[in-house]
Amino acid sequence: MIMPFEAENNKEGPMRGNRVLTKITRYKTEGKKRSTALGYRKRIRYALLALTRTVILCATPEQVDAAAALAQLISAQGMTNNNYLLFLTLLETNNPFVIDVLVGSRNPFLLFAPIKPNWFLLRETFRVLAKYTGNELSEKALLALMGVVQNAYKTSKDGYKIYPLTMSDVYSIGKHIDKGRDQLEARNRLLLDILLDIYSIAIDSEDKSTVRVGIKANDIRMAYFDHTKKMVDSLPDVLLVQEPARAPTGPRSFLWSERPAVVTQAEQAKQAKQAKQAKGPSRPAQRRSTNKKPTRRRR
């Protein structure tokens, strides 16, 4: 800070010191204006939003650590109507380390079960499904997203009233089927069952576009079961392009999903006692004989 008496020694003369003093005085009084205070709050919110957007990229180990920390906090809160979109945002990172922390011990297929399907949730779900190729989306992320779809379109037409399915949405589901795997494999079985649900509900609709969506869902299923057909016969070939397998970016500090638990001294003593009992009664040590033969001295 330039003091008034230092302005004379400034190379630019006293006008430089006056400008600095004026700037400092103006900065101190700006916060007193309501509009200026709101402007600073907006800047803070924008900076935090920009930081969060950088974190969820998971492009560096530091970002993975930060995203895993956020996932740990959000997972501990549990899913509610206020934070379920944060769960979806972290699933979109497609980083297995972050998703493992987010899902925890829950069944990923039932992750969104507490939330009633709505238009925005379904639209974002199909957007994420369309974003990744068939072999690119991680297993837990795919199961969680499929849980949202099945919850909306399983047994009634309410899902179509909330979010009418399009051909593109059905393609986004079908491209994740792997014809090289068995139909009883968990991933394929789930996708095939959802396509069957979509067909069963849509075929009875009075809307022609909905009926076409249902017929396309069944065509994709038949392309999987028919050995004379390929998936490209019912899906655009551009959607079946497979990305080369790439290892996900890992954390730098430690694996959040394998964080060691804190063990107290009492628990350590209990574990040692249980281990001792598991080994059975210990045998008494055999005493060594102390009767030694006298050694002859050489003359």
Protein backbone atom coordinates (compact mmCIF):
# COMPACT_ATOMS: atom_id res chain seq x y z
CA MET A 1 0.00 0.00 0.00
CA ILE A 2 1.29 3.48 -0.85
CA MET A 3 1.04 5.94 2.03
CA PRO A 4 0.41 9.68 1.42
CA PHE A 5 3.95 10.62 2.36
CA GLU A 6 5.32 8.02 -0.06
CA ALA A 7 3.61 9.56 -3.07
CA GLU A 8 6.34 12.16 -3.43
CA ASN A 9 9.01 9.47 -3.74
CA ASN A 10 7.00 7.63 -6.39
CA LYS A 11 8.55 7.75 -9.86
CA GLU A 12 5.25 8.84 -11.36
CA GLY A 13 4.81 11.69 -8.93
CA PRO A 14 2.06 12.58 -6.45
CA MET A 15 -0.76 11.85 -8.94
CA ARG A 16 0.10 8.14 -8.74
CA GLY A 17 -0.43 8.14 -4.96
CA ASN A 18 -3.74 10.02 -5.29
CA ARG A 19 -5.04 7.46 -7.76
CA VAL A 20 -4.14 4.60 -5.43
CA LEU A 21 -5.76 6.28 -2.43
CA THR A 22 -8.88 7.01 -4.45
CA LYS A 23 -9.05 3.39 -5.58
CA ILE A 24 -8.65 2.06 -2.02
CA THR A 25 -11.29 4.44 -0.69
CA ARG A 26 -13.70 3.49 -3.44
CA TYR A 27 -13.13 -0.23 -2.78
CA LYS A 28 -13.92 0.20 0.92
CA THR A 29 -17.16 2.02 0.22
CA GLU A 30 -18.37 -0.22 -2.63
CA GLY A 31 -19.66 -2.92 -0.30
CA LYS A 32 -22.05 -0.44 1.30
CA LYS A 33 -24.10 -0.33 -1.87
CA ARG A 34 -26.67 -3.11 -2.10
CA SER A 35 -26.27 -3.61 -5.84
CA THR A 36 -22.50 -3.93 -5.53
CA ALA A 37 -22.80 -6.48 -2.72
CA LEU A 38 -25.15 -8.59 -4.83
CA GLY A 39 -22.70 -8.37 -7.68
CA TYR A 40 -19.89 -9.79 -5.52
CA ARG A 41 -22.16 -12.61 -4.34
CA LYS A 42 -22.86 -13.50 -7.96
CA ARG A 43 -19.14 -13.57 -8.66
CA ILE A 44 -18.60 -15.95 -5.75
CA ARG A 45 -21.36 -18.25 -6.95
CA TYR A 46 -19.96 -18.19 -10.48
CA ALA A 47 -16.46 -19.00 -9.19
CA LEU A 48 -17.79 -21.95 -7.15
CA LEU A 49 -19.77 -23.21 -10.12
CA ALA A 50 -16.72 -22.95 -12.37
CA LEU A 51 -14.66 -24.84 -9.77
CA THR A 52 -17.27 -27.62 -9.57
CA ARG A 53 -17.35 -27.92 -13.35
CA THR A 54 -13.59 -28.33 -13.35
CA VAL A 55 -13.69 -30.95 -10.59
CA ILE A 56 -16.27 -33.19 -12.26
CA LEU A 57 -14.16 -33.43 -15.40
CA CYS A 58 -11.98 -35.95 -13.49
CA ALA A 59 -9.16 -35.30 -15.95
CA THR A 60 -6.39 -35.25 -13.33
CA PRO A 61 -5.76 -37.24 -10.13
CA GLU A 62 -6.38 -34.09 -8.08
CA GLN A 63 -9.78 -33.63 -9.71
CA VAL A 64 -10.64 -37.29 -9.05
CA ASP A 65 -9.74 -36.81 -5.37
CA ALA A 66 -11.94 -33.72 -5.15
CA ALA A 67 -14.84 -35.41 -6.98
CA ALA A 68 -14.56 -38.46 -4.71
CA ALA A 69 -14.71 -36.18 -1.67
CA LEU A 70 -17.87 -34.56 -3.02
CA ALA A 71 -19.33 -38.00 -3.77
CA GLN A 72 -18.56 -39.13 -0.22
CA LEU A 73 -20.40 -36.11 1.23
CA ILE A 74 -23.42 -36.44 -1.07
CA SER A 75 -23.66 -40.21 -0.55
CA ALA A 76 -23.69 -39.74 3.23
CA GLN A 77 -26.62 -37.33 2.91
CA GLY A 78 -28.72 -39.88 1.04
CA MET A 79 -30.79 -39.18 -2.04
CA THR A 80 -33.53 -36.56 -1.68
CA ASN A 81 -35.58 -34.38 -4.00
CA ASN A 82 -33.04 -31.61 -3.43
CA ASN A 83 -29.83 -33.46 -4.34
CA TYR A 84 -30.75 -36.27 -6.76
CA LEU A 85 -29.45 -34.22 -9.69
CA LEU A 86 -26.05 -34.11 -7.98
CA PHE A 87 -26.06 -37.93 -7.98
CA LEU A 88 -26.77 -37.81 -11.71
CA THR A 89 -23.99 -35.27 -12.29
CA LEU A 90 -21.43 -37.45 -10.52
CA LEU A 91 -22.60 -40.52 -12.44
CA GLU A 92 -21.94 -38.60 -15.63
CA THR A 93 -18.24 -38.37 -14.72
CA ASN A 94 -18.10 -42.10 -15.59
CA ASN A 95 -15.10 -42.42 -13.28
CA PRO A 96 -15.30 -45.78 -11.46
CA PHE A 97 -13.47 -44.47 -8.39
CA VAL A 98 -15.96 -41.62 -7.94
CA ILE A 99 -18.99 -43.82 -8.70
CA ASP A 100 -17.88 -46.48 -6.21
CA VAL A 101 -17.81 -43.85 -3.47
CA LEU A 102 -21.13 -42.39 -4.59
CA VAL A 103 -23.01 -45.70 -4.72
CA GLY A 104 -21.33 -47.21 -1.67
CA SER A 105 -23.02 -50.37 -0.44
CA ARG A 106 -26.28 -49.59 -2.28
CA ASN A 107 -27.61 -51.58 -5.22
CA PRO A 108 -26.85 -49.25 -8.17
CA PHE A 109 -30.01 -50.37 -9.99
CA LEU A 110 -32.11 -49.06 -7.06
CA LEU A 111 -30.09 -45.89 -6.54
CA PHE A 112 -32.86 -43.56 -7.80
CA ALA A 113 -35.73 -45.63 -6.38
CA PRO A 114 -36.60 -42.98 -3.70
CA ILE A 115 -37.26 -40.37 -6.42
CA LYS A 116 -40.42 -40.22 -8.48
CA PRO A 117 -39.51 -39.92 -12.20
CA ASN A 118 -39.93 -36.48 -13.71
CA TRP A 119 -39.35 -34.94 -17.11
CA PHE A 120 -35.95 -33.42 -16.40
CA LEU A 121 -34.56 -36.55 -14.72
CA LEU A 122 -35.60 -38.73 -17.67
CA ARG A 123 -34.27 -36.29 -20.24
CA GLU A 124 -30.90 -36.07 -18.50
CA THR A 125 -30.78 -39.85 -18.14
CA PHE A 126 -31.17 -40.38 -21.87
CA ARG A 127 -28.69 -37.58 -22.56
CA VAL A 128 -26.02 -39.39 -20.53
CA LEU A 129 -26.86 -42.71 -22.21
CA ALA A 130 -26.46 -41.05 -25.61
CA LYS A 131 -23.19 -39.38 -24.58
CA TYR A 132 -21.20 -42.59 -24.12
CA THR A 133 -20.65 -45.46 -26.50
CA GLY A 134 -21.76 -49.01 -25.79
CA ASN A 135 -18.49 -50.16 -24.20
CA GLU A 136 -17.58 -46.85 -22.60
CA LEU A 137 -20.15 -46.40 -19.81
CA SER A 138 -19.17 -48.08 -16.53
CA GLU A 139 -21.27 -50.95 -15.17
CA LYS A 140 -22.62 -49.20 -12.06
CA ALA A 141 -23.46 -46.01 -13.93
CA LEU A 142 -25.39 -47.96 -16.58
CA LEU A 143 -27.33 -49.92 -13.95
CA ALA A 144 -28.28 -46.74 -12.10
CA LEU A 145 -29.51 -45.05 -15.29
CA MET A 146 -31.44 -48.15 -16.35
CA GLY A 147 -33.10 -48.13 -12.95
CA VAL A 148 -34.52 -44.68 -13.75
CA VAL A 149 -35.81 -45.87 -17.13
CA GLN A 150 -37.44 -49.03 -15.79
CA ASN A 151 -39.04 -47.14 -12.91
CA ALA A 152 -40.76 -44.88 -15.45
CA TYR A 153 -41.77 -47.34 -18.19
CA LYS A 154 -42.18 -50.68 -16.44
CA THR A 155 -45.91 -51.28 -15.97
CA SER A 156 -47.95 -48.23 -16.98
CA LYS A 157 -48.25 -45.48 -19.55
CA ASP A 158 -47.46 -42.76 -17.02
CA GLY A 159 -43.86 -42.66 -18.20
CA TYR A 160 -44.95 -41.73 -21.71
CA LYS A 161 -47.09 -38.94 -20.28
CA ILE A 162 -44.13 -37.58 -18.30
CA TYR A 163 -41.53 -37.99 -21.03
CA PRO A 164 -42.57 -39.36 -24.45
CA LEU A 165 -39.85 -41.65 -25.77
CA THR A 166 -38.29 -41.02 -29.17
CA MET A 167 -36.41 -43.27 -31.60
CA SER A 168 -33.17 -41.68 -30.42
CA ASP A 169 -33.92 -42.66 -26.82
CA VAL A 170 -34.52 -46.30 -27.80
CA TYR A 171 -31.27 -46.27 -29.80
CA SER A 172 -29.46 -44.97 -26.69
CA ILE A 173 -30.65 -48.06 -24.80
CA GLY A 174 -30.08 -50.61 -27.56
CA LYS A 175 -26.50 -49.61 -28.34
CA HIS A 176 -25.38 -50.75 -24.87
CA ILE A 177 -26.41 -54.38 -25.61
CA ASP A 178 -23.43 -56.62 -26.23
CA LYS A 179 -24.34 -59.41 -28.63
CA GLY A 180 -21.10 -61.17 -27.79
CA ARG A 181 -22.38 -61.84 -24.26
CA ASP A 182 -25.02 -64.28 -23.09
CA GLN A 183 -28.60 -63.09 -22.67
CA LEU A 184 -28.56 -64.19 -19.02
CA GLU A 185 -25.64 -61.90 -18.29
CA ALA A 186 -26.90 -59.22 -15.88
CA ARG A 187 -26.29 -56.25 -18.16
CA ASN A 188 -27.82 -57.76 -21.30
CA ARG A 189 -30.77 -59.24 -19.42
CA LEU A 190 -31.64 -55.86 -17.90
CA LEU A 191 -31.44 -54.01 -21.22
CA LEU A 192 -33.51 -56.66 -23.02
CA ASP A 193 -36.16 -56.60 -20.29
CA ILE A 194 -36.46 -52.82 -20.49
CA LEU A 195 -36.85 -52.92 -24.27
CA LEU A 196 -39.59 -55.54 -23.80
CA ASP A 197 -41.37 -53.28 -21.28
CA ILE A 198 -41.20 -50.36 -23.70
CA TYR A 199 -42.65 -52.53 -26.47
CA SER A 200 -45.44 -53.99 -24.30
CA ILE A 201 -46.69 -50.59 -23.16
CA ALA A 202 -46.18 -48.67 -26.43
CA ILE A 203 -47.81 -51.20 -28.75
CA ASP A 204 -51.22 -50.58 -27.18
CA SER A 205 -50.97 -46.80 -27.47
CA GLU A 206 -53.27 -44.74 -29.66
CA ASP A 207 -50.40 -42.49 -30.65
CA LYS A 208 -48.73 -43.68 -33.85
CA SER A 209 -45.30 -42.27 -32.94
CA THR A 210 -45.39 -44.17 -29.64
CA VAL A 211 -46.31 -47.38 -31.46
CA ARG A 212 -43.35 -46.90 -33.81
CA VAL A 213 -41.05 -46.48 -30.82
CA GLY A 214 -42.36 -49.74 -29.35
CA ILE A 215 -41.87 -51.59 -32.64
CA LYS A 216 -38.29 -50.33 -32.87
CA ALA A 217 -37.60 -51.51 -29.32
CA ASN A 218 -38.78 -54.99 -30.29
CA ASP A 219 -36.70 -54.92 -33.50
CA ILE A 220 -33.57 -54.30 -31.44
CA ARG A 221 -34.43 -57.26 -29.19
CA MET A 222 -34.99 -59.52 -32.19
CA ALA A 223 -31.69 -58.44 -33.74
CA TYR A 224 -29.98 -59.72 -30.61
CA PHE A 225 -31.80 -63.07 -30.48
CA ASP A 226 -31.72 -63.78 -34.24
CA HIS A 227 -28.38 -65.34 -35.15
CA THR A 228 -28.92 -64.46 -38.82
CA LYS A 229 -28.99 -60.74 -38.01
CA LYS A 230 -26.54 -58.22 -36.65
CA MET A 231 -27.21 -55.30 -34.33
CA VAL A 232 -26.46 -52.96 -37.21
CA ASP A 233 -29.64 -54.23 -38.89
CA SER A 234 -31.74 -52.37 -36.31
CA LEU A 235 -29.35 -49.68 -35.05
CA PRO A 236 -27.46 -46.98 -36.95
CA ASP A 237 -23.90 -48.16 -37.50
CA VAL A 238 -22.50 -44.90 -36.15
CA LEU A 239 -23.92 -45.76 -32.71
CA LEU A 240 -22.18 -49.13 -32.67
CA VAL A 241 -18.69 -47.72 -33.02
CA GLN A 242 -16.59 -48.94 -30.10
CA GLU A 243 -14.10 -46.67 -28.39
CA PRO A 244 -10.66 -48.11 -27.60
CA ALA A 245 -10.45 -49.16 -23.97
CA ARG A 246 -8.76 -46.51 -21.83
CA ALA A 247 -7.82 -46.75 -18.19
CA PRO A 248 -9.73 -44.20 -16.08
CA THR A 249 -7.87 -41.47 -14.26
CA GLY A 250 -7.16 -42.65 -10.73
CA PRO A 251 -6.92 -40.67 -7.50
CA ARG A 252 -3.61 -39.35 -6.20
CA SER A 253 -3.95 -39.57 -2.42
CA PHE A 254 -5.55 -42.97 -1.84
CA LEU A 255 -8.42 -45.15 -2.97
CA TRP A 256 -11.53 -43.66 -1.42
CA SER A 257 -13.46 -46.91 -1.77
CA GLU A 258 -10.80 -48.76 0.23
CA ARG A 259 -10.31 -46.29 3.06
CA PRO A 260 -9.03 -48.15 6.16
CA ALA A 261 -11.33 -48.18 9.16
CA VAL A 262 -10.16 -46.78 12.50
CA VAL A 263 -9.67 -49.62 15.02
CA THR A 264 -9.62 -48.79 18.72
CA GLN A 265 -7.33 -50.48 21.27
CA ALA A 266 -10.27 -52.42 22.74
CA GLU A 267 -11.17 -53.77 19.30
CA GLN A 268 -7.54 -54.73 18.66
CA ALA A 269 -7.43 -56.67 21.94
CA LYS A 270 -10.71 -58.40 21.09
CA GLN A 271 -9.46 -59.37 17.62
CA ALA A 272 -6.22 -60.73 19.10
CA LYS A 273 -8.20 -62.82 21.62
CA GLN A 274 -10.43 -64.24 18.88
CA ALA A 275 -7.41 -65.10 16.76
CA LYS A 276 -5.80 -66.86 19.69
CA GLN A 277 -8.94 -68.90 20.36
CA ALA A 278 -9.21 -69.85 16.69
CA LYS A 279 -5.75 -71.39 16.78
CA GLY A 280 -6.77 -73.72 19.63
CA PRO A 281 -4.95 -74.52 22.87
CA SER A 282 -1.25 -74.02 22.65
CA ARG A 283 1.08 -76.93 23.44
CA PRO A 284 3.49 -76.50 26.33
CA ALA A 285 7.00 -75.94 25.16
CA GLN A 286 9.29 -78.93 25.64
CA ARG A 287 12.09 -78.28 28.07
CA ARG A 288 15.49 -78.92 26.77
CA SER A 289 17.66 -81.37 28.68
CA THR A 290 20.43 -79.74 30.63
CA ASN A 291 22.40 -83.00 31.14
CA LYS A 292 25.40 -82.49 29.00
CA LYS A 293 28.22 -84.97 28.61
CA PRO A 294 31.48 -83.74 30.04
CA THR A 295 33.95 -82.82 27.45
CA ARG A 296 37.44 -84.29 27.59
CA ARG A 297 40.36 -82.02 27.72
CA ARG A 298 43.07 -82.68 25.28
CA ARG A 299 46.46 -83.21 26.90
